[in-house]
Amino acid sequence: MNDTTFKNCHGIDEDGHVTSAYDISLMSRELLTKHPKITEYTTIWMDSLRDR
């Protein structure tokens, strides 16, 4: 990953906190191949509606 600089661990926007689509694909591939159970959590759909 040559186009990524993390400035914090929580991902909230900060100057200089950048990445590229290619680096995101590398991170995603590592996550999915080395931790396949992650799909059990990332496929859960949650939704809420506001009462009016």
PDB file of N, CA and C in Angstrom:
ATOM      1  N   MET A   1       0.850  -1.169   0.000  1.00  0.00           N
ATOM      2  CA  MET A   1       0.000   0.000   0.000  1.00  0.00           C
ATOM      3  C   MET A   1       0.899   1.236   0.000  1.00  0.00           C
ATOM      4  N   ASN A   2       0.929   1.886  -1.143  1.00  0.00           N
ATOM      5  CA  ASN A   2       1.779   3.061  -1.287  1.00  0.00           C
ATOM      6  C   ASN A   2       1.017   4.372  -1.275  1.00  0.00           C
ATOM      7  N   ASP A   3      -0.314   4.302  -1.377  1.00  0.00           N
ATOM      8  CA  ASP A   3      -1.110   5.519  -1.472  1.00  0.00           C
ATOM      9  C   ASP A   3      -2.008   5.741  -0.262  1.00  0.00           C
ATOM     10  N   THR A   4      -1.632   5.177   0.875  1.00  0.00           N
ATOM     11  CA  THR A   4      -2.447   5.293   2.082  1.00  0.00           C
ATOM     12  C   THR A   4      -1.626   5.874   3.212  1.00  0.00           C
ATOM     13  N   THR A   5      -2.235   6.835   3.888  1.00  0.00           N
ATOM     14  CA  THR A   5      -1.657   7.402   5.104  1.00  0.00           C
ATOM     15  C   THR A   5      -2.768   7.505   6.128  1.00  0.00           C
ATOM     16  N   PHE A   6      -2.621   6.797   7.234  1.00  0.00           N
ATOM     17  CA  PHE A   6      -3.596   6.872   8.320  1.00  0.00           C
ATOM     18  C   PHE A   6      -3.115   7.886   9.346  1.00  0.00           C
ATOM     19  N   LYS A   7      -4.000   8.782   9.743  1.00  0.00           N
ATOM     20  CA  LYS A   7      -3.679   9.777  10.768  1.00  0.00           C
ATOM     21  C   LYS A   7      -4.343   9.449  12.101  1.00  0.00           C
ATOM     22  N   ASN A   8      -5.299   8.516  12.089  1.00  0.00           N
ATOM     23  CA  ASN A   8      -5.983   8.117  13.312  1.00  0.00           C
ATOM     24  C   ASN A   8      -6.481   6.689  13.147  1.00  0.00           C
ATOM     25  N   CYS A   9      -6.931   6.090  14.208  1.00  0.00           N
ATOM     26  CA  CYS A   9      -7.375   4.693  14.146  1.00  0.00           C
ATOM     27  C   CYS A   9      -8.882   4.549  13.974  1.00  0.00           C
ATOM     28  N   HIS A  10      -9.639   5.626  14.055  1.00  0.00           N
ATOM     29  CA  HIS A  10     -11.093   5.530  13.998  1.00  0.00           C
ATOM     30  C   HIS A  10     -11.673   5.866  12.636  1.00  0.00           C
ATOM     31  N   GLY A  11     -10.885   6.433  11.736  1.00  0.00           N
ATOM     32  CA  GLY A  11     -11.351   6.680  10.384  1.00  0.00           C
ATOM     33  C   GLY A  11     -12.069   7.987  10.163  1.00  0.00           C
ATOM     34  N   ILE A  12     -12.246   8.764  11.231  1.00  0.00           N
ATOM     35  CA  ILE A  12     -12.881  10.073  11.066  1.00  0.00           C
ATOM     36  C   ILE A  12     -11.928  10.972  10.284  1.00  0.00           C
ATOM     37  N   ASP A  13     -12.503  11.745   9.368  1.00  0.00           N
ATOM     38  CA  ASP A  13     -11.714  12.574   8.462  1.00  0.00           C
ATOM     39  C   ASP A  13     -10.745  13.488   9.213  1.00  0.00           C
ATOM     40  N   GLU A  14      -9.543  13.553   8.689  1.00  0.00           N
ATOM     41  CA  GLU A  14      -8.499  14.400   9.244  1.00  0.00           C
ATOM     42  C   GLU A  14      -7.552  14.748   8.103  1.00  0.00           C
ATOM     43  N   ASP A  15      -6.992  15.937   8.116  1.00  0.00           N
ATOM     44  CA  ASP A  15      -6.058  16.342   7.064  1.00  0.00           C
ATOM     45  C   ASP A  15      -4.938  15.322   6.934  1.00  0.00           C
ATOM     46  N   GLY A  16      -4.669  14.897   5.710  1.00  0.00           N
ATOM     47  CA  GLY A  16      -3.598  13.944   5.465  1.00  0.00           C
ATOM     48  C   GLY A  16      -3.999  12.491   5.604  1.00  0.00           C
ATOM     49  N   HIS A  17      -5.221  12.223   6.018  1.00  0.00           N
ATOM     50  CA  HIS A  17      -5.744  10.852   6.170  1.00  0.00           C
ATOM     51  C   HIS A  17      -6.325  10.459   4.811  1.00  0.00           C
ATOM     52  N   VAL A  18      -5.552   9.723   4.002  1.00  0.00           N
ATOM     53  CA  VAL A  18      -5.959   9.431   2.627  1.00  0.00           C
ATOM     54  C   VAL A  18      -5.677   7.985   2.261  1.00  0.00           C
ATOM     55  N   THR A  19      -6.374   7.517   1.225  1.00  0.00           N
ATOM     56  CA  THR A  19      -6.117   6.200   0.654  1.00  0.00           C
ATOM     57  C   THR A  19      -6.562   6.206  -0.793  1.00  0.00           C
ATOM     58  N   SER A  20      -6.293   5.132  -1.490  1.00  0.00           N
ATOM     59  CA  SER A  20      -6.725   4.995  -2.886  1.00  0.00           C
ATOM     60  C   SER A  20      -7.646   3.795  -3.007  1.00  0.00           C
ATOM     61  N   ALA A  21      -8.369   3.726  -4.105  1.00  0.00           N
ATOM     62  CA  ALA A  21      -9.245   2.581  -4.346  1.00  0.00           C
ATOM     63  C   ALA A  21      -8.430   1.291  -4.404  1.00  0.00           C
ATOM     64  N   TYR A  22      -7.261   1.362  -4.990  1.00  0.00           N
ATOM     65  CA  TYR A  22      -6.406   0.180  -5.077  1.00  0.00           C
ATOM     66  C   TYR A  22      -5.999  -0.305  -3.687  1.00  0.00           C
ATOM     67  N   ASP A  23      -5.601   0.612  -2.814  1.00  0.00           N
ATOM     68  CA  ASP A  23      -5.210   0.214  -1.465  1.00  0.00           C
ATOM     69  C   ASP A  23      -6.395  -0.338  -0.675  1.00  0.00           C
ATOM     70  N   ILE A  24      -7.580   0.224  -0.886  1.00  0.00           N
ATOM     71  CA  ILE A  24      -8.783  -0.315  -0.235  1.00  0.00           C
ATOM     72  C   ILE A  24      -9.010  -1.756  -0.698  1.00  0.00           C
ATOM     73  N   SER A  25      -8.794  -2.018  -1.985  1.00  0.00           N
ATOM     74  CA  SER A  25      -8.985  -3.386  -2.483  1.00  0.00           C
ATOM     75  C   SER A  25      -7.963  -4.333  -1.863  1.00  0.00           C
ATOM     76  N   LEU A  26      -6.728  -3.878  -1.660  1.00  0.00           N
ATOM     77  CA  LEU A  26      -5.726  -4.712  -0.997  1.00  0.00           C
ATOM     78  C   LEU A  26      -6.125  -5.026   0.444  1.00  0.00           C
ATOM     79  N   MET A  27      -6.592  -4.007   1.173  1.00  0.00           N
ATOM     80  CA  MET A  27      -7.029  -4.217   2.563  1.00  0.00           C
ATOM     81  C   MET A  27      -8.212  -5.173   2.612  1.00  0.00           C
ATOM     82  N   SER A  28      -9.155  -5.001   1.694  1.00  0.00           N
ATOM     83  CA  SER A  28     -10.341  -5.854   1.669  1.00  0.00           C
ATOM     84  C   SER A  28      -9.979  -7.295   1.359  1.00  0.00           C
ATOM     85  N   ARG A  29      -9.081  -7.496   0.410  1.00  0.00           N
ATOM     86  CA  ARG A  29      -8.656  -8.853   0.067  1.00  0.00           C
ATOM     87  C   ARG A  29      -7.997  -9.540   1.258  1.00  0.00           C
ATOM     88  N   GLU A  30      -7.129  -8.835   1.953  1.00  0.00           N
ATOM     89  CA  GLU A  30      -6.484  -9.400   3.142  1.00  0.00           C
ATOM     90  C   GLU A  30      -7.525  -9.774   4.191  1.00  0.00           C
ATOM     91  N   LEU A  31      -8.465  -8.882   4.431  1.00  0.00           N
ATOM     92  CA  LEU A  31      -9.501  -9.139   5.429  1.00  0.00           C
ATOM     93  C   LEU A  31     -10.328 -10.370   5.064  1.00  0.00           C
ATOM     94  N   LEU A  32     -10.769 -10.446   3.823  1.00  0.00           N
ATOM     95  CA  LEU A  32     -11.636 -11.552   3.406  1.00  0.00           C
ATOM     96  C   LEU A  32     -10.912 -12.888   3.316  1.00  0.00           C
ATOM     97  N   THR A  33      -9.645 -12.885   2.923  1.00  0.00           N
ATOM     98  CA  THR A  33      -8.936 -14.156   2.789  1.00  0.00           C
ATOM     99  C   THR A  33      -8.401 -14.667   4.115  1.00  0.00           C
ATOM    100  N   LYS A  34      -8.039 -13.771   5.015  1.00  0.00           N
ATOM    101  CA  LYS A  34      -7.461 -14.204   6.287  1.00  0.00           C
ATOM    102  C   LYS A  34      -8.466 -14.257   7.429  1.00  0.00           C
ATOM    103  N   HIS A  35      -9.613 -13.605   7.255  1.00  0.00           N
ATOM    104  CA  HIS A  35     -10.651 -13.585   8.293  1.00  0.00           C
ATOM    105  C   HIS A  35     -12.029 -13.749   7.643  1.00  0.00           C
ATOM    106  N   PRO A  36     -12.303 -14.917   7.052  1.00  0.00           N
ATOM    107  CA  PRO A  36     -13.556 -15.082   6.303  1.00  0.00           C
ATOM    108  C   PRO A  36     -14.820 -14.942   7.152  1.00  0.00           C
ATOM    109  N   LYS A  37     -14.724 -15.114   8.455  1.00  0.00           N
ATOM    110  CA  LYS A  37     -15.917 -14.968   9.304  1.00  0.00           C
ATOM    111  C   LYS A  37     -16.421 -13.536   9.355  1.00  0.00           C
ATOM    112  N   ILE A  38     -15.629 -12.595   8.843  1.00  0.00           N
ATOM    113  CA  ILE A  38     -16.064 -11.197   8.838  1.00  0.00           C
ATOM    114  C   ILE A  38     -17.361 -11.038   8.051  1.00  0.00           C
ATOM    115  N   THR A  39     -17.589 -11.919   7.082  1.00  0.00           N
ATOM    116  CA  THR A  39     -18.817 -11.802   6.284  1.00  0.00           C
ATOM    117  C   THR A  39     -20.065 -12.078   7.113  1.00  0.00           C
ATOM    118  N   GLU A  40     -19.923 -12.776   8.224  1.00  0.00           N
ATOM    119  CA  GLU A  40     -21.075 -13.002   9.106  1.00  0.00           C
ATOM    120  C   GLU A  40     -21.532 -11.699   9.745  1.00  0.00           C
ATOM    121  N   TYR A  41     -20.637 -10.747   9.879  1.00  0.00           N
ATOM    122  CA  TYR A  41     -20.972  -9.475  10.507  1.00  0.00           C
ATOM    123  C   TYR A  41     -21.266  -8.388   9.490  1.00  0.00           C
ATOM    124  N   THR A  42     -20.603  -8.428   8.363  1.00  0.00           N
ATOM    125  CA  THR A  42     -20.785  -7.364   7.377  1.00  0.00           C
ATOM    126  C   THR A  42     -22.001  -7.568   6.496  1.00  0.00           C
ATOM    127  N   THR A  43     -22.654  -8.710   6.567  1.00  0.00           N
ATOM    128  CA  THR A  43     -23.851  -8.939   5.763  1.00  0.00           C
ATOM    129  C   THR A  43     -25.131  -8.750   6.570  1.00  0.00           C
ATOM    130  N   ILE A  44     -25.021  -8.332   7.812  1.00  0.00           N
ATOM    131  CA  ILE A  44     -26.201  -8.079   8.642  1.00  0.00           C
ATOM    132  C   ILE A  44     -26.782  -6.723   8.255  1.00  0.00           C
ATOM    133  N   TRP A  45     -28.050  -6.711   7.875  1.00  0.00           N
ATOM    134  CA  TRP A  45     -28.708  -5.479   7.465  1.00  0.00           C
ATOM    135  C   TRP A  45     -29.461  -4.908   8.658  1.00  0.00           C
ATOM    136  N   MET A  46     -29.199  -3.650   8.956  1.00  0.00           N
ATOM    137  CA  MET A  46     -29.902  -2.977  10.035  1.00  0.00           C
ATOM    138  C   MET A  46     -30.543  -1.717   9.463  1.00  0.00           C
ATOM    139  N   ASP A  47     -31.742  -1.433   9.889  1.00  0.00           N
ATOM    140  CA  ASP A  47     -32.448  -0.265   9.399  1.00  0.00           C
ATOM    141  C   ASP A  47     -33.356   0.247  10.498  1.00  0.00           C
ATOM    142  N   SER A  48     -33.601   1.509  10.497  1.00  0.00           N
ATOM    143  CA  SER A  48     -34.558   2.087  11.452  1.00  0.00           C
ATOM    144  C   SER A  48     -35.304   3.211  10.762  1.00  0.00           C
ATOM    145  N   LEU A  49     -36.524   3.408  11.195  1.00  0.00           N
ATOM    146  CA  LEU A  49     -37.366   4.467  10.652  1.00  0.00           C
ATOM    147  C   LEU A  49     -37.713   5.429  11.769  1.00  0.00           C
ATOM    148  N   ARG A  50     -37.722   6.682  11.442  1.00  0.00           N
ATOM    149  CA  ARG A  50     -38.101   7.679  12.444  1.00  0.00           C
ATOM    150  C   ARG A  50     -39.621   7.724  12.601  1.00  0.00           C
ATOM    151  N   ASP A  51     -40.061   7.867  13.837  1.00  0.00           N
ATOM    152  CA  ASP A  51     -41.498   8.086  14.089  1.00  0.00           C
ATOM    153  C   ASP A  51     -41.813   9.539  13.801  1.00  0.00           C
ATOM    154  N   ARG A  52     -42.944   9.775  13.182  1.00  0.00           N
ATOM    155  CA  ARG A  52     -43.330  11.156  12.888  1.00  0.00           C
ATOM    156  C   ARG A  52     -44.553  11.517  13.649  1.00  0.00           C
TER     157      ARG A  52
END
